[in-house]
């Protein structure tokens, strides 16, 4: 879970009592606000992920015989983003991230250290 989500879910009800009333119980309003904020954060994370994929695909679309692409650098960048996303989805649990990526935990740990993602 991201830090922002943790902050939203940890908001105590008394801090939100100053919100304008919409003829709903305080706990119901707080619950709706948390749900909305969580949905917005999920959407923002999804858009960020999609933007990263779009940037990577644009490199390939602009490829021509006159341009030069450093294959190993592109693979490195892609792996870093992919591993980072898997770790984000797994809440930082490397074993779950490795399963998500179809890698062994040792391989994933090696790549995390090699890319200095720690």
C-alpha atoms as a PDB file:
ATOM      1  CA  UNK A   1       0.000   0.000   0.000  1.00  0.00           C
ATOM      2  CA  UNK A   2       1.304   3.423  -0.918  1.00  0.00           C
ATOM      3  CA  UNK A   3       2.060   6.051   1.711  1.00  0.00           C
ATOM      4  CA  UNK A   4      -0.814   8.225   0.501  1.00  0.00           C
ATOM      5  CA  UNK A   5      -3.292   5.358   0.891  1.00  0.00           C
ATOM      6  CA  UNK A   6      -2.010   4.665   4.382  1.00  0.00           C
ATOM      7  CA  UNK A   7      -2.487   8.314   5.325  1.00  0.00           C
ATOM      8  CA  UNK A   8      -6.032   8.377   3.960  1.00  0.00           C
ATOM      9  CA  UNK A   9      -7.052   5.193   5.741  1.00  0.00           C
ATOM     10  CA  UNK A  10      -5.501   6.360   9.000  1.00  0.00           C
ATOM     11  CA  UNK A  11      -7.419   9.647   9.101  1.00  0.00           C
ATOM     12  CA  UNK A  12      -9.307   9.760  12.355  1.00  0.00           C
ATOM     13  CA  UNK A  13     -12.969  10.720  12.196  1.00  0.00           C
ATOM     14  CA  UNK A  14     -12.593  13.759  14.541  1.00  0.00           C
ATOM     15  CA  UNK A  15     -10.281  15.478  12.026  1.00  0.00           C
ATOM     16  CA  UNK A  16     -12.992  15.263   9.376  1.00  0.00           C
ATOM     17  CA  UNK A  17     -15.867  16.554  11.508  1.00  0.00           C
ATOM     18  CA  UNK A  18     -15.487  20.064  10.071  1.00  0.00           C
ATOM     19  CA  UNK A  19     -16.678  18.930   6.658  1.00  0.00           C
ATOM     20  CA  UNK A  20     -20.020  20.344   5.560  1.00  0.00           C
ATOM     21  CA  UNK A  21     -22.917  18.083   6.365  1.00  0.00           C
ATOM     22  CA  UNK A  22     -24.782  16.418   3.543  1.00  0.00           C
ATOM     23  CA  UNK A  23     -27.404  14.921   5.849  1.00  0.00           C
ATOM     24  CA  UNK A  24     -25.321  11.796   6.241  1.00  0.00           C
ATOM     25  CA  UNK A  25     -23.799  10.238   9.302  1.00  0.00           C
ATOM     26  CA  UNK A  26     -20.206  11.259   9.973  1.00  0.00           C
ATOM     27  CA  UNK A  27     -18.893   7.728   9.635  1.00  0.00           C
ATOM     28  CA  UNK A  28     -20.685   7.338   6.312  1.00  0.00           C
ATOM     29  CA  UNK A  29     -19.195  10.624   5.015  1.00  0.00           C
ATOM     30  CA  UNK A  30     -15.711   9.622   6.168  1.00  0.00           C
ATOM     31  CA  UNK A  31     -16.083   6.228   4.520  1.00  0.00           C
ATOM     32  CA  UNK A  32     -17.196   7.809   1.238  1.00  0.00           C
ATOM     33  CA  UNK A  33     -14.324  10.312   1.333  1.00  0.00           C
ATOM     34  CA  UNK A  34     -11.798   7.531   1.965  1.00  0.00           C
ATOM     35  CA  UNK A  35     -13.260   5.393  -0.839  1.00  0.00           C
ATOM     36  CA  UNK A  36     -13.171   8.312  -3.266  1.00  0.00           C
ATOM     37  CA  UNK A  37      -9.610   9.255  -2.316  1.00  0.00           C
ATOM     38  CA  UNK A  38      -8.460   5.649  -2.633  1.00  0.00           C
ATOM     39  CA  UNK A  39     -10.100   5.345  -6.059  1.00  0.00           C
ATOM     40  CA  UNK A  40      -8.417   8.567  -7.193  1.00  0.00           C
ATOM     41  CA  UNK A  41      -5.021   7.364  -5.981  1.00  0.00           C
ATOM     42  CA  UNK A  42      -5.481   4.021  -7.756  1.00  0.00           C
ATOM     43  CA  UNK A  43      -6.357   5.870 -10.956  1.00  0.00           C
ATOM     44  CA  UNK A  44      -3.295   8.125 -10.606  1.00  0.00           C
ATOM     45  CA  UNK A  45      -1.012   5.113 -10.124  1.00  0.00           C
ATOM     46  CA  UNK A  46      -2.561   3.421 -13.147  1.00  0.00           C
ATOM     47  CA  UNK A  47      -2.065   6.533 -15.285  1.00  0.00           C
ATOM     48  CA  UNK A  48       1.546   6.807 -14.138  1.00  0.00           C
ATOM     49  CA  UNK A  49       2.141   3.181 -15.117  1.00  0.00           C
ATOM     50  CA  UNK A  50       0.451   3.678 -18.501  1.00  0.00           C
ATOM     51  CA  UNK A  51       2.527   6.804 -19.120  1.00  0.00           C
ATOM     52  CA  UNK A  52       5.732   4.850 -18.465  1.00  0.00           C
ATOM     53  CA  UNK A  53       4.692   2.181 -20.961  1.00  0.00           C
ATOM     54  CA  UNK A  54       3.826   4.849 -23.539  1.00  0.00           C
ATOM     55  CA  UNK A  55       7.275   6.430 -23.145  1.00  0.00           C
ATOM     56  CA  UNK A  56       8.924   3.075 -23.737  1.00  0.00           C
ATOM     57  CA  UNK A  57       6.859   2.292 -26.811  1.00  0.00           C
ATOM     58  CA  UNK A  58       7.619   5.719 -28.302  1.00  0.00           C
ATOM     59  CA  UNK A  59      11.313   4.766 -28.336  1.00  0.00           C
ATOM     60  CA  UNK A  60      10.495   1.836 -30.584  1.00  0.00           C
ATOM     61  CA  UNK A  61       8.109   3.793 -32.796  1.00  0.00           C
ATOM     62  CA  UNK A  62      10.788   6.405 -33.496  1.00  0.00           C
ATOM     63  CA  UNK A  63      13.392   3.783 -34.357  1.00  0.00           C
ATOM     64  CA  UNK A  64      14.890   4.138 -37.822  1.00  0.00           C
ATOM     65  CA  UNK A  65      17.992   3.028 -39.686  1.00  0.00           C
ATOM     66  CA  UNK A  66      19.607   6.389 -38.960  1.00  0.00           C
ATOM     67  CA  UNK A  67      18.945   6.391 -35.228  1.00  0.00           C
ATOM     68  CA  UNK A  68      20.803   4.364 -32.663  1.00  0.00           C
ATOM     69  CA  UNK A  69      19.303   2.698 -29.610  1.00  0.00           C
ATOM     70  CA  UNK A  70      21.373   1.269 -26.795  1.00  0.00           C
ATOM     71  CA  UNK A  71      19.679  -2.115 -26.483  1.00  0.00           C
ATOM     72  CA  UNK A  72      21.091  -2.962 -23.066  1.00  0.00           C
ATOM     73  CA  UNK A  73      20.190   0.446 -21.624  1.00  0.00           C
ATOM     74  CA  UNK A  74      16.615   0.106 -22.904  1.00  0.00           C
ATOM     75  CA  UNK A  75      16.322  -3.383 -21.395  1.00  0.00           C
ATOM     76  CA  UNK A  76      17.741  -2.091 -18.108  1.00  0.00           C
ATOM     77  CA  UNK A  77      15.226   0.777 -17.992  1.00  0.00           C
ATOM     78  CA  UNK A  78      12.359  -1.557 -18.830  1.00  0.00           C
ATOM     79  CA  UNK A  79      13.362  -4.098 -16.178  1.00  0.00           C
ATOM     80  CA  UNK A  80      13.683  -1.388 -13.525  1.00  0.00           C
ATOM     81  CA  UNK A  81      10.178  -0.087 -14.281  1.00  0.00           C
ATOM     82  CA  UNK A  82       8.724  -3.595 -14.431  1.00  0.00           C
ATOM     83  CA  UNK A  83      10.349  -4.707 -11.173  1.00  0.00           C
ATOM     84  CA  UNK A  84       9.321  -1.455  -9.492  1.00  0.00           C
ATOM     85  CA  UNK A  85       5.703  -1.943 -10.572  1.00  0.00           C
ATOM     86  CA  UNK A  86       5.685  -5.574  -9.390  1.00  0.00           C
ATOM     87  CA  UNK A  87       7.090  -4.521  -6.012  1.00  0.00           C
ATOM     88  CA  UNK A  88       4.479  -1.772  -5.783  1.00  0.00           C
ATOM     89  CA  UNK A  89       1.648  -4.198  -6.553  1.00  0.00           C
ATOM     90  CA  UNK A  90       2.974  -6.729  -4.051  1.00  0.00           C
ATOM     91  CA  UNK A  91       3.399  -4.157  -1.282  1.00  0.00           C
ATOM     92  CA  UNK A  92       7.183  -4.528  -1.365  1.00  0.00           C
ATOM     93  CA  UNK A  93       7.083  -8.299  -0.826  1.00  0.00           C
ATOM     94  CA  UNK A  94       9.862  -9.662  -3.047  1.00  0.00           C
ATOM     95  CA  UNK A  95       8.590 -13.256  -3.034  1.00  0.00           C
ATOM     96  CA  UNK A  96       5.164 -12.165  -4.318  1.00  0.00           C
ATOM     97  CA  UNK A  97       6.745  -9.787  -6.841  1.00  0.00           C
ATOM     98  CA  UNK A  98       8.943 -12.623  -8.121  1.00  0.00           C
ATOM     99  CA  UNK A  99       5.890 -14.874  -8.567  1.00  0.00           C
ATOM    100  CA  UNK A 100       4.091 -12.053 -10.385  1.00  0.00           C
ATOM    101  CA  UNK A 101       7.034 -11.685 -12.772  1.00  0.00           C
ATOM    102  CA  UNK A 102       7.581 -15.425 -13.184  1.00  0.00           C
ATOM    103  CA  UNK A 103      11.063 -15.197 -11.665  1.00  0.00           C
ATOM    104  CA  UNK A 104      12.754 -16.970  -8.817  1.00  0.00           C
ATOM    105  CA  UNK A 105      13.212 -14.909  -5.669  1.00  0.00           C
ATOM    106  CA  UNK A 106      16.989 -15.188  -5.985  1.00  0.00           C
ATOM    107  CA  UNK A 107      16.893 -13.833  -9.539  1.00  0.00           C
ATOM    108  CA  UNK A 108      14.665 -10.950  -8.548  1.00  0.00           C
ATOM    109  CA  UNK A 109      16.858 -10.141  -5.553  1.00  0.00           C
ATOM    110  CA  UNK A 110      19.950 -10.211  -7.788  1.00  0.00           C
ATOM    111  CA  UNK A 111      18.342  -7.793 -10.258  1.00  0.00           C
ATOM    112  CA  UNK A 112      17.204  -5.452  -7.479  1.00  0.00           C
ATOM    113  CA  UNK A 113      20.769  -5.289  -6.165  1.00  0.00           C
ATOM    114  CA  UNK A 114      22.321  -5.048  -9.627  1.00  0.00           C
ATOM    115  CA  UNK A 115      20.058  -2.104 -10.505  1.00  0.00           C
ATOM    116  CA  UNK A 116      20.625  -0.587  -7.055  1.00  0.00           C
ATOM    117  CA  UNK A 117      16.893  -0.424  -6.370  1.00  0.00           C
ATOM    118  CA  UNK A 118      17.339  -0.987  -2.643  1.00  0.00           C
END
